Each structure stands twice: as structure tokens, then as C-alpha cells.
């Protein structure tokens, strides 16, 4: 049924496109193509489509070379996706599939896009290949990718959320590095860190336009931390949703201590330039920034970055709960080389990612302490990364219990984001935004619930 649904989806995407203008070492692959080559002894060629910003050619080349050294019968071509956003990269994958492009192994940016493409049949179920290899998933990976007991992919880079802060700005405002704080205290910090007016104004904080930043008061909850739960229960009346709205409303519309959302969308602002150019003093972000805050080829680190845990909603809440997630890689169901793609992704998500010295991986056998040292030391100015506060934050963080999103989560998030944006643009208040979101999402769930 999944493949039938994907076929219908592909036909729709293609029609629209035309109208618009047209470790355990993975076991050797078996079947017709072998590890020594294709049916006629020629190497099997597979393609790996992934985000070209997070994974550059120079990052992937050594990984692919090492894999091909171990598997001379398989050649891997990295195809970078360089669209404007991660969501656009996913749309590009959908369009490539609809147009009949060769897709073998793909990377998806989050659990929402992964769950939807597992449901509509783009991703191949991997249970049989895992069984054939003898893979014990739970002993290998930190993030559970199963959906109804089926695995459609593996977790890639490991992401833990925290807050990064400009230490010079903290010192200037005589503020200590937080070890435990609430969102109300975070907003007080933002006010004290804000400085100046007009075009040269420095904001105390920045919240990006990802849906993650619309759920800050919900995603720090140990459980029941999504808009719709796995059993299709609508969770929009959760106090964490209201807190999420209040955080952004207070910072941007009342305190004027956060970069205005209107500027973010009209000027297509993004977080790296604002942080490195010291136009924003602090921001919640993920662990992919650990190596970057020490500076690199794109941005210079001219100040020290310190780290703090994600704020909690109330003082009595437990400290340190954080979003811990991953990006996802999977084998495309239409691939003619599923076993070879599977074997490459197993290598990429175990030995491969640590070779980059750029991100933490979701592989349980990774030496995390060594990986952190490698991330920091690979930056141009490792002295600008405050390792003490980083370790304090990481060692005292606890993972929230994250469910795999329902397959129609993208539709839910779109409806919720639309109401959230109206609030940020001053067109409705917090209560109206929550009430409208609840009404719309109930209708979406009713239409999708089986």
C-alpha cells in the first residue's frame, strides 16, 4: 500500500512540475550484484543525495574513498542539494523522484520529513536487510527510527539543543553564564543584552523561522511534547504551546529584544551571520554549531562562545531537558541497488560521520569525548569555544522522550506556523493564535486519522 500511495504522490508532483513550466561491519551485499561488482563484474554505481551545506564535497570525499576501499565493487556519487532551505531540499528530492532521476540513498533533515516519506512509500523498509546482516539496532544507534516496528532509515548526525551566548556581551552586561534558568529569565537576559537602535541595533536574542522555534515551551517537556501525539491525540491545548507563543510574543513584540520576525522573512535572515557579526547575543541552537563557533572558512570567531542548557518553563520544572534528535538517511524504494545503498548508509552512519570531525554522530560506539575534542580543534580558533560550559551543559542534559511524528505532521506544522506567524506580525494575540491552531489541527487530524 505504501508504494501505491507513493506512486500516486509521484504522479501528482510530476503533473504539477510539468504544468508549472516544464561497529558491526555491514555484511557484504548479495544477490545479482555482488560486493565485487555488478552482474557482469562492473562496479555498481549508487547516488547519495544530501544537504550540500551541512555536507560539502570535501567532507564526503574521504568517507566515500574509505568505503570504496573496503567495497571495491560499489562506487558512490555524492549529489549535493543546495536549495534555499532544508525543506526545499526535501521538495527537490520529491521532484527528482517524480521525474525518474536515479535515487538510491538520501538524507532527510528531520523526523517529520522522514516519517512522511516512510508513510508515502518513498523509503524502503529495511527490516529484512537488517535481519540478513544480523544488525542489533538498539545496540548500535542512539535514536530510534522505527515506525510501527518497521525501520525505514538510520539516524545520521546527532543533535542536542542548547543555548549559545556571546561571552563578551555577557561580561559587558555583568551577567553570569547560566547553569539553570527559566524562559522568563532568558527573556530578562535578552532585554539586558539588547543595545542600540535602528540599523545598528544589537538584539539580545534571535529565533529562526524553523517550526522548532515555534515550540520552545513544548519541546523542553519530558513527554507529550508534540502538537499531535502518536495516538493522534491533539495536544495544542498543552500549556507548553501557550508558553511557546508567549516567549516569542514577549521578546519580539513587547520587549523588542529579539530580531523581528517581519525582518527575518522579508530580508531572508539566517542565524550564522547574525551571531558571528554580533547582531544577536544568544540563541537556542543545536550541537552542529559546536565546531562552527570556533570559526571556519565562512565565518570568523572574534569572540568566545559559552553554552547554557535550554531554559525550562517554570522554576519547579526539572533542569536540563533538551531536544535530542538527528537527521535521517534511507534507501529509496525505487532504487535498483538497494543492498549497496544500505551498505553505504550503514558505513556512513557508523564509521563515516566521525571521520568528518564536524558533527557528533548517532552511533553508540562513537568516542564522544574524542569527537568533541576533534570538533573544537578542527575550528580555526578553538580557544573561542568555552569547553567548560559546553561539558557542563552536555553532561547535565537529559533527553526528552520523543515519539516518531505522525505521517501528516508537515500539514499540522504548516497550519500551526501560519497562526503563529500572524501572532508574530501583530495580527492576532496569543490566545487567538492558540485557539485557531487547535481548531485547524483538529480538522487535519480528523481527516487523516485511520
Protein backbone atom coordinates (compact mmCIF):
# COMPACT_ATOMS: atom_id res chain seq x y z
CA UNK A 1 0.00 0.00 0.00
CA UNK A 2 2.88 2.35 0.78
CA UNK A 3 4.30 2.06 -2.73
CA UNK A 4 0.87 2.62 -4.21
CA UNK A 5 0.50 5.81 -2.19
CA UNK A 6 3.96 6.97 -3.25
CA UNK A 7 3.17 6.23 -6.89
CA UNK A 8 0.08 8.43 -6.67
CA UNK A 9 2.09 11.15 -4.94
CA UNK A 10 4.83 11.00 -7.58
CA UNK A 11 2.27 11.31 -10.38
CA UNK A 12 0.79 14.38 -8.71
CA UNK A 13 4.19 16.05 -8.20
CA UNK A 14 5.21 15.31 -11.77
CA UNK A 15 1.95 16.72 -13.13
CA UNK A 16 2.39 19.90 -11.10
CA UNK A 17 6.01 20.18 -12.23
CA UNK A 18 5.10 19.87 -15.90
CA UNK A 19 2.24 22.30 -15.58
CA UNK A 20 4.49 24.82 -13.84
CA UNK A 21 6.80 25.12 -16.79
CA UNK A 22 8.42 22.32 -17.77
CA UNK A 23 30.82 -1.28 14.96
CA UNK A 24 29.24 -4.13 13.28
CA UNK A 25 30.67 -4.08 9.86
CA UNK A 26 27.77 -4.30 7.43
CA UNK A 27 27.59 -7.68 5.76
CA UNK A 28 28.63 -7.92 2.10
CA UNK A 29 25.82 -7.22 -0.34
CA UNK A 30 24.43 -10.32 -2.00
CA UNK A 31 22.07 -11.05 -4.85
CA UNK A 32 22.75 -10.41 -8.50
CA UNK A 33 25.20 -7.52 -7.95
CA UNK A 34 27.94 -8.60 -5.55
CA UNK A 35 30.45 -6.67 -3.44
CA UNK A 36 32.93 -7.31 -6.23
CA UNK A 37 30.80 -5.67 -8.87
CA UNK A 38 27.62 -5.91 -10.92
CA UNK A 39 26.23 -8.83 -12.80
CA UNK A 40 28.99 -8.52 -15.39
CA UNK A 41 31.76 -7.74 -12.91
CA UNK A 42 31.37 -3.99 -13.34
CA UNK A 43 31.17 -1.77 -10.22
CA UNK A 44 27.68 -0.87 -9.08
CA UNK A 45 27.17 2.89 -9.06
CA UNK A 46 24.89 4.44 -6.47
CA UNK A 47 23.98 8.06 -5.78
CA UNK A 48 23.77 9.73 -2.36
CA UNK A 49 21.65 12.90 -2.33
CA UNK A 50 22.20 15.04 0.77
CA UNK A 51 22.27 18.61 2.03
CA UNK A 52 25.20 20.34 0.35
CA UNK A 53 25.56 22.97 3.10
CA UNK A 54 25.96 20.58 6.01
CA UNK A 55 27.84 18.02 3.93
CA UNK A 56 30.29 19.50 1.49
CA UNK A 57 32.18 17.52 -1.14
CA UNK A 58 35.41 17.81 0.81
CA UNK A 59 33.62 16.29 3.82
CA UNK A 60 32.21 13.34 1.90
CA UNK A 61 35.17 12.50 -0.35
CA UNK A 62 37.29 10.82 2.37
CA UNK A 63 34.28 8.86 3.65
CA UNK A 64 33.39 7.64 0.18
CA UNK A 65 37.04 6.79 -0.56
CA UNK A 66 37.29 4.71 2.63
CA UNK A 67 34.02 2.94 1.89
CA UNK A 68 35.07 2.16 -1.68
CA UNK A 69 38.42 0.89 -0.44
CA UNK A 70 36.54 -1.63 1.68
CA UNK A 71 33.94 -2.29 -1.03
CA UNK A 72 35.66 -2.05 -4.44
CA UNK A 73 32.55 -3.30 -6.22
CA UNK A 74 30.49 -0.26 -5.19
CA UNK A 75 31.02 3.30 -6.44
CA UNK A 76 29.29 6.18 -4.64
CA UNK A 77 28.48 9.54 -6.21
CA UNK A 78 27.65 12.34 -3.78
CA UNK A 79 24.98 14.67 -5.16
CA UNK A 80 24.78 17.86 -3.04
CA UNK A 81 21.41 19.55 -2.68
CA UNK A 82 21.91 23.30 -2.44
CA UNK A 83 18.38 24.67 -2.26
CA UNK A 84 17.49 27.70 -0.11
CA UNK A 85 16.42 25.64 2.90
CA UNK A 86 16.28 22.11 4.25
CA UNK A 87 12.57 21.98 3.39
CA UNK A 88 13.38 22.96 -0.19
CA UNK A 89 15.97 20.18 -0.36
CA UNK A 90 13.26 17.69 0.57
CA UNK A 91 10.97 19.11 -2.11
CA UNK A 92 13.83 18.71 -4.60
CA UNK A 93 14.14 15.04 -3.69
CA UNK A 94 10.40 14.60 -4.29
CA UNK A 95 10.66 16.27 -7.68
CA UNK A 96 13.73 14.23 -8.68
CA UNK A 97 11.87 11.06 -7.80
CA UNK A 98 8.82 12.19 -9.75
CA UNK A 99 10.96 12.90 -12.81
CA UNK A 100 12.58 9.46 -12.74
CA UNK A 101 16.04 10.60 -11.57
CA UNK A 102 18.25 7.88 -10.10
CA UNK A 103 17.84 7.98 -6.33
CA UNK A 104 19.48 5.33 -4.19
CA UNK A 105 20.39 6.78 -0.79
CA UNK A 106 19.01 10.06 0.54
CA UNK A 107 19.33 12.25 3.61
CA UNK A 108 16.27 13.87 5.17
CA UNK A 109 16.70 16.75 7.64
CA UNK A 110 14.33 15.75 10.44
CA UNK A 111 11.89 13.20 11.80
CA UNK A 112 8.91 14.97 10.23
CA UNK A 113 10.12 14.63 6.65
CA UNK A 114 11.35 11.10 7.41
CA UNK A 115 8.00 9.95 8.82
CA UNK A 116 6.02 11.34 5.90
CA UNK A 117 8.24 9.74 3.27
CA UNK A 118 8.17 6.45 5.11
CA UNK A 119 4.38 6.61 5.06
CA UNK A 120 4.03 7.50 1.38
CA UNK A 121 6.39 4.79 0.18
CA UNK A 122 9.49 6.73 -0.91
CA UNK A 123 11.64 4.91 1.65
CA UNK A 124 12.32 1.18 1.52
CA UNK A 125 11.62 -0.82 4.72
CA UNK A 126 14.99 -2.11 5.96
CA UNK A 127 13.95 -4.87 8.36
CA UNK A 128 14.87 -7.72 6.03
CA UNK A 129 18.27 -6.24 5.20
CA UNK A 130 18.93 -5.64 8.90
CA UNK A 131 17.96 -9.23 9.68
CA UNK A 132 20.19 -10.51 6.91
CA UNK A 133 23.11 -8.50 8.30
CA UNK A 134 22.36 -9.55 11.88
CA UNK A 135 22.14 -5.91 13.00
CA UNK A 136 21.05 -5.24 16.59
CA UNK A 137 19.65 -1.76 16.11
CA UNK A 138 19.33 -0.85 19.79
CA UNK A 139 22.97 -1.68 20.45
CA UNK A 140 24.12 0.45 17.52
CA UNK A 141 22.17 3.74 17.39
CA UNK A 142 21.11 6.38 19.93
CA UNK A 143 17.93 7.41 18.08
CA UNK A 144 15.05 5.03 17.41
CA UNK A 145 13.83 5.38 13.80
CA UNK A 146 11.17 2.66 13.92
CA UNK A 147 7.62 3.34 12.79
CA UNK A 148 5.11 0.62 13.72
CA UNK A 149 8.05 -1.77 14.21
CA UNK A 150 9.46 -1.06 10.74
CA UNK A 151 12.77 0.69 10.10
CA UNK A 152 12.97 2.94 7.05
CA UNK A 153 16.34 4.52 7.75
CA UNK A 154 19.18 5.22 10.16
CA UNK A 155 19.96 8.34 12.21
CA UNK A 156 22.87 10.44 10.96
CA UNK A 157 24.36 13.38 12.81
CA UNK A 158 23.30 13.65 16.45
CA UNK A 159 21.71 16.93 17.52
CA UNK A 160 21.32 18.17 21.04
CA UNK A 161 19.83 21.59 21.65
CA UNK A 162 21.28 24.21 23.98
CA UNK A 163 21.84 27.96 24.06
CA UNK A 164 24.97 29.65 22.70
CA UNK A 165 25.93 33.02 24.15
CA UNK A 166 28.47 35.73 23.30
CA UNK A 167 30.70 35.83 26.41
CA UNK A 168 31.86 39.41 25.76
CA UNK A 169 28.25 40.61 25.69
CA UNK A 170 27.51 38.76 28.94
CA UNK A 171 30.51 40.37 30.61
CA UNK A 172 29.50 43.79 29.31
CA UNK A 173 26.04 43.36 30.89
CA UNK A 174 27.55 41.80 34.05
CA UNK A 175 25.57 38.58 33.53
CA UNK A 176 26.82 35.13 34.63
CA UNK A 177 26.82 32.07 32.37
CA UNK A 178 23.51 30.31 33.23
CA UNK A 179 23.60 26.75 34.50
CA UNK A 180 19.86 26.56 35.18
CA UNK A 181 17.23 29.06 34.09
CA UNK A 182 13.63 29.60 33.04
CA UNK A 183 12.29 31.15 29.86
CA UNK A 184 11.31 34.23 31.88
CA UNK A 185 14.93 34.59 32.99
CA UNK A 186 16.05 34.05 29.41
CA UNK A 187 13.86 36.95 28.34
CA UNK A 188 15.37 39.13 31.07
CA UNK A 189 18.83 38.29 29.76
CA UNK A 190 17.68 39.20 26.25
CA UNK A 191 16.50 42.62 27.42
CA UNK A 192 19.77 43.35 29.20
CA UNK A 193 21.83 42.21 26.21
CA UNK A 194 19.91 44.36 23.72
CA UNK A 195 21.75 47.54 22.77
CA UNK A 196 21.29 50.47 20.37
CA UNK A 197 18.58 51.39 17.91
CA UNK A 198 17.87 51.36 14.19
CA UNK A 199 20.02 49.56 11.64
CA UNK A 200 22.89 49.05 14.11
CA UNK A 201 20.72 47.66 16.91
CA UNK A 202 22.06 44.58 18.64
CA UNK A 203 19.34 42.19 19.74
CA UNK A 204 19.64 40.09 22.87
CA UNK A 205 18.39 37.00 21.09
CA UNK A 206 17.43 35.56 17.74
CA UNK A 207 14.81 32.93 16.95
CA UNK A 208 14.98 31.44 13.47
CA UNK A 209 11.94 30.76 11.27
CA UNK A 210 12.01 26.96 11.65
CA UNK A 211 8.95 25.40 13.29
CA UNK A 212 11.29 24.26 16.09
CA UNK A 213 11.37 27.88 17.27
CA UNK A 214 7.57 27.92 17.43
CA UNK A 215 7.56 25.10 20.00
CA UNK A 216 10.25 26.13 22.51
CA UNK A 217 7.96 25.80 25.54
CA UNK A 218 6.69 22.41 24.39
CA UNK A 219 9.88 20.73 23.25
CA UNK A 220 11.51 21.08 26.66
CA UNK A 221 8.85 18.85 28.23
CA UNK A 222 9.88 15.27 29.13
CA UNK A 223 6.80 13.78 27.46
CA UNK A 224 3.77 14.77 25.33
CA UNK A 225 5.95 17.29 23.53
CA UNK A 226 4.43 17.45 20.05
CA UNK A 227 1.35 19.14 18.62
CA UNK A 228 -0.25 15.77 17.84
CA UNK A 229 0.76 12.63 19.73
CA UNK A 230 1.42 9.20 18.27
CA UNK A 231 -2.14 8.04 19.01
CA UNK A 232 -3.48 11.09 17.09
CA UNK A 233 -4.40 12.97 20.29
CA UNK A 234 -4.40 16.72 19.63
CA UNK A 235 -2.01 18.36 22.11
CA UNK A 236 -2.39 22.03 21.11
CA UNK A 237 -4.15 22.91 24.39
CA UNK A 238 -0.98 21.86 26.26
CA UNK A 239 0.36 24.73 28.45
CA UNK A 240 3.69 24.32 26.66
CA UNK A 241 2.10 25.52 23.40
CA UNK A 242 0.85 28.69 25.06
CA UNK A 243 4.28 29.20 26.63
CA UNK A 244 5.87 28.86 23.19
CA UNK A 245 3.64 31.63 21.86
CA UNK A 246 4.24 33.82 24.91
CA UNK A 247 8.04 33.55 24.67
CA UNK A 248 8.13 34.89 21.14
CA UNK A 249 5.35 37.46 21.67
CA UNK A 250 7.11 38.91 24.71
CA UNK A 251 10.58 39.04 23.14
CA UNK A 252 9.64 40.41 19.73
CA UNK A 253 6.51 42.49 20.23
CA UNK A 254 6.77 43.70 23.85
CA UNK A 255 10.43 43.79 24.87
CA UNK A 256 11.81 44.35 21.35
CA UNK A 257 14.78 42.23 22.43
CA UNK A 258 14.64 39.67 19.60
CA UNK A 259 15.14 40.16 15.86
CA UNK A 260 11.64 40.94 14.49
CA UNK A 261 10.02 38.12 12.56
CA UNK A 262 8.99 40.57 9.84
CA UNK A 263 12.69 41.32 9.24
CA UNK A 264 13.60 37.64 9.25
CA UNK A 265 11.18 36.74 6.48
CA UNK A 266 11.45 39.94 4.42
CA UNK A 267 15.25 40.08 4.50
CA UNK A 268 15.70 36.27 4.48
CA UNK A 269 17.88 36.47 7.58
CA UNK A 270 19.62 33.44 8.97
CA UNK A 271 21.31 32.69 12.25
CA UNK A 272 25.00 32.28 11.43
CA UNK A 273 25.68 35.79 10.05
CA UNK A 274 23.66 37.45 12.82
CA UNK A 275 25.54 35.58 15.54
CA UNK A 276 29.06 35.87 14.13
CA UNK A 277 28.54 39.53 13.20
CA UNK A 278 27.41 40.11 16.81
CA UNK A 279 23.97 41.37 15.81
CA UNK A 280 22.41 38.86 18.22
CA UNK A 281 23.92 37.92 21.58
CA UNK A 282 22.41 34.49 22.20
CA UNK A 283 20.17 31.89 20.59
CA UNK A 284 18.87 28.35 21.12
CA UNK A 285 20.53 26.07 18.57
CA UNK A 286 21.77 22.52 18.05
CA UNK A 287 25.09 20.78 18.62
CA UNK A 288 26.11 21.08 14.97
CA UNK A 289 27.30 24.56 16.00
CA UNK A 290 29.95 23.26 18.43
CA UNK A 291 32.68 23.22 15.80
CA UNK A 292 31.37 26.27 13.97
CA UNK A 293 31.53 28.73 16.88
CA UNK A 294 35.32 28.36 16.80
CA UNK A 295 35.28 29.85 13.30
CA UNK A 296 35.94 28.41 9.87
CA UNK A 297 36.30 29.32 6.23
CA UNK A 298 32.91 31.07 6.11
CA UNK A 299 32.76 32.92 9.45
CA UNK A 300 35.43 34.29 11.79
CA UNK A 301 35.10 33.73 15.52
CA UNK A 302 36.14 37.05 17.05
CA UNK A 303 34.62 36.37 20.50
CA UNK A 304 34.31 33.45 22.92
CA UNK A 305 31.10 31.41 22.89
CA UNK A 306 29.75 29.93 26.10
CA UNK A 307 26.96 27.37 26.44
CA UNK A 308 23.87 27.06 28.63
CA UNK A 309 21.07 24.49 28.91
CA UNK A 310 17.70 25.00 27.29
CA UNK A 311 15.50 27.07 29.63
CA UNK A 312 12.58 25.46 31.46
CA UNK A 313 9.05 26.82 31.69
CA UNK A 314 8.78 27.10 35.48
CA UNK A 315 11.29 27.19 38.33
CA UNK A 316 9.94 23.94 39.79
CA UNK A 317 10.44 22.07 36.49
CA UNK A 318 13.41 19.68 36.32
CA UNK A 319 16.54 21.19 34.79
CA UNK A 320 18.31 20.11 31.64
CA UNK A 321 15.65 18.55 29.42
CA UNK A 322 16.64 19.08 25.82
CA UNK A 323 15.64 18.11 22.31
CA UNK A 324 17.93 15.32 21.14
CA UNK A 325 17.35 14.31 17.55
CA UNK A 326 19.06 13.53 14.27
CA UNK A 327 18.82 13.78 10.53
CA UNK A 328 17.86 10.57 8.74
CA UNK A 329 19.24 8.56 5.86
CA UNK A 330 17.31 5.95 3.94
CA UNK A 331 17.25 3.72 0.88
CA UNK A 332 14.85 4.84 -1.85
CA UNK A 333 12.20 2.25 -2.67
CA UNK A 334 12.70 2.66 -6.44
CA UNK A 335 16.46 2.12 -6.29
CA UNK A 336 17.85 -0.74 -8.36
CA UNK A 337 20.73 -1.12 -5.90
CA UNK A 338 19.06 -1.29 -2.51
CA UNK A 339 21.60 -3.59 -0.83
CA UNK A 340 24.54 -1.47 -1.98
CA UNK A 341 22.81 1.73 -0.82
CA UNK A 342 22.04 0.06 2.52
CA UNK A 343 25.64 -0.98 2.95
CA UNK A 344 26.91 2.55 2.25
CA UNK A 345 24.46 4.11 4.70
CA UNK A 346 25.47 1.66 7.40
CA UNK A 347 29.09 2.73 6.92
CA UNK A 348 28.20 6.44 6.71
CA UNK A 349 26.18 6.37 9.96
CA UNK A 350 28.84 4.44 11.90
CA UNK A 351 32.47 4.95 10.89
CA UNK A 352 31.75 7.67 8.32
CA UNK A 353 30.39 10.67 10.22
CA UNK A 354 33.16 10.69 12.88
CA UNK A 355 35.70 10.92 10.04
CA UNK A 356 34.35 14.39 9.22
CA UNK A 357 35.37 15.81 12.64
CA UNK A 358 32.47 18.19 12.19
CA UNK A 359 29.43 16.68 13.90
CA UNK A 360 28.54 14.25 16.66
CA UNK A 361 27.06 11.04 15.32
CA UNK A 362 24.14 8.86 16.45
CA UNK A 363 26.43 5.82 16.61
CA UNK A 364 26.67 4.41 20.15
CA UNK A 365 30.26 3.28 19.62
CA UNK A 366 31.49 6.79 18.87
CA UNK A 367 34.03 8.12 21.38
CA UNK A 368 32.07 11.24 22.34
CA UNK A 369 34.91 12.90 24.29
CA UNK A 370 37.30 12.42 21.39
CA UNK A 371 34.65 13.59 18.94
CA UNK A 372 34.10 16.81 20.91
CA UNK A 373 37.84 17.48 21.01
CA UNK A 374 38.03 16.88 17.27
CA UNK A 375 35.10 19.25 16.61
CA UNK A 376 36.64 22.02 18.66
CA UNK A 377 40.21 21.56 17.48
CA UNK A 378 39.18 21.46 13.82
CA UNK A 379 37.95 25.06 14.04
CA UNK A 380 40.24 27.96 13.17
CA UNK A 381 40.15 29.43 16.67
CA UNK A 382 39.39 26.62 19.14
CA UNK A 383 40.20 28.94 22.05
CA UNK A 384 36.94 30.76 21.26
CA UNK A 385 34.92 27.67 22.28
CA UNK A 386 34.37 27.54 26.05
CA UNK A 387 34.79 23.83 26.70
CA UNK A 388 33.99 24.09 30.42
CA UNK A 389 30.45 25.43 29.92
CA UNK A 390 29.94 23.09 26.96
CA UNK A 391 30.73 19.99 29.02
CA UNK A 392 28.67 21.32 31.93
CA UNK A 393 25.69 21.69 29.60
CA UNK A 394 26.10 18.37 27.79
CA UNK A 395 26.78 16.34 30.93
CA UNK A 396 23.74 17.70 32.73
CA UNK A 397 21.28 17.44 29.86
CA UNK A 398 18.53 14.85 29.69
CA UNK A 399 16.75 13.73 26.56
CA UNK A 400 13.04 14.31 26.22
CA UNK A 401 11.02 11.26 25.19
CA UNK A 402 10.35 11.93 21.51
CA UNK A 403 7.76 9.99 19.58
CA UNK A 404 8.06 9.48 15.86
CA UNK A 405 5.74 12.12 14.33
CA UNK A 406 2.50 11.11 12.67
CA UNK A 407 2.80 10.90 8.89
CA UNK A 408 0.84 14.11 8.30
CA UNK A 409 2.94 16.22 10.68
CA UNK A 410 4.07 18.58 7.91
CA UNK A 411 0.43 19.55 7.32
CA UNK A 412 -0.04 20.11 11.06
CA UNK A 413 3.07 22.23 11.37
CA UNK A 414 2.08 24.33 8.38
CA UNK A 415 -1.29 25.17 9.94
CA UNK A 416 0.26 25.90 13.33
CA UNK A 417 3.04 28.02 11.83
CA UNK A 418 0.53 30.12 9.89
CA UNK A 419 -1.28 31.08 13.10
CA UNK A 420 2.00 31.61 14.96
CA UNK A 421 3.22 33.93 12.19
CA UNK A 422 0.04 36.02 12.34
CA UNK A 423 0.70 36.50 16.04
CA UNK A 424 4.35 37.48 15.43
CA UNK A 425 3.23 40.00 12.82
CA UNK A 426 0.86 41.61 15.33
CA UNK A 427 -2.33 40.48 13.58
CA UNK A 428 -3.69 38.40 16.47
CA UNK A 429 -2.96 37.78 20.13
CA UNK A 430 -1.57 34.69 21.85
CA UNK A 431 -4.94 33.22 22.88
CA UNK A 432 -6.41 33.65 19.40
CA UNK A 433 -3.37 32.03 17.79
CA UNK A 434 -3.65 29.01 20.09
CA UNK A 435 -7.43 28.70 19.64
CA UNK A 436 -7.22 28.94 15.85
CA UNK A 437 -4.38 26.40 15.78
CA UNK A 438 -6.42 23.99 17.89
CA UNK A 439 -9.44 24.25 15.62
CA UNK A 440 -7.44 23.80 12.40
CA UNK A 441 -5.36 20.91 13.70
CA UNK A 442 -8.40 19.04 15.00
CA UNK A 443 -9.78 19.14 11.45
CA UNK A 444 -6.49 17.88 9.99
CA UNK A 445 -6.35 15.00 12.45
CA UNK A 446 -9.96 14.08 11.74
CA UNK A 447 -9.24 13.97 8.00
CA UNK A 448 -6.11 11.83 8.41
CA UNK A 449 -6.96 9.56 11.33
CA UNK A 450 -7.45 5.93 10.35
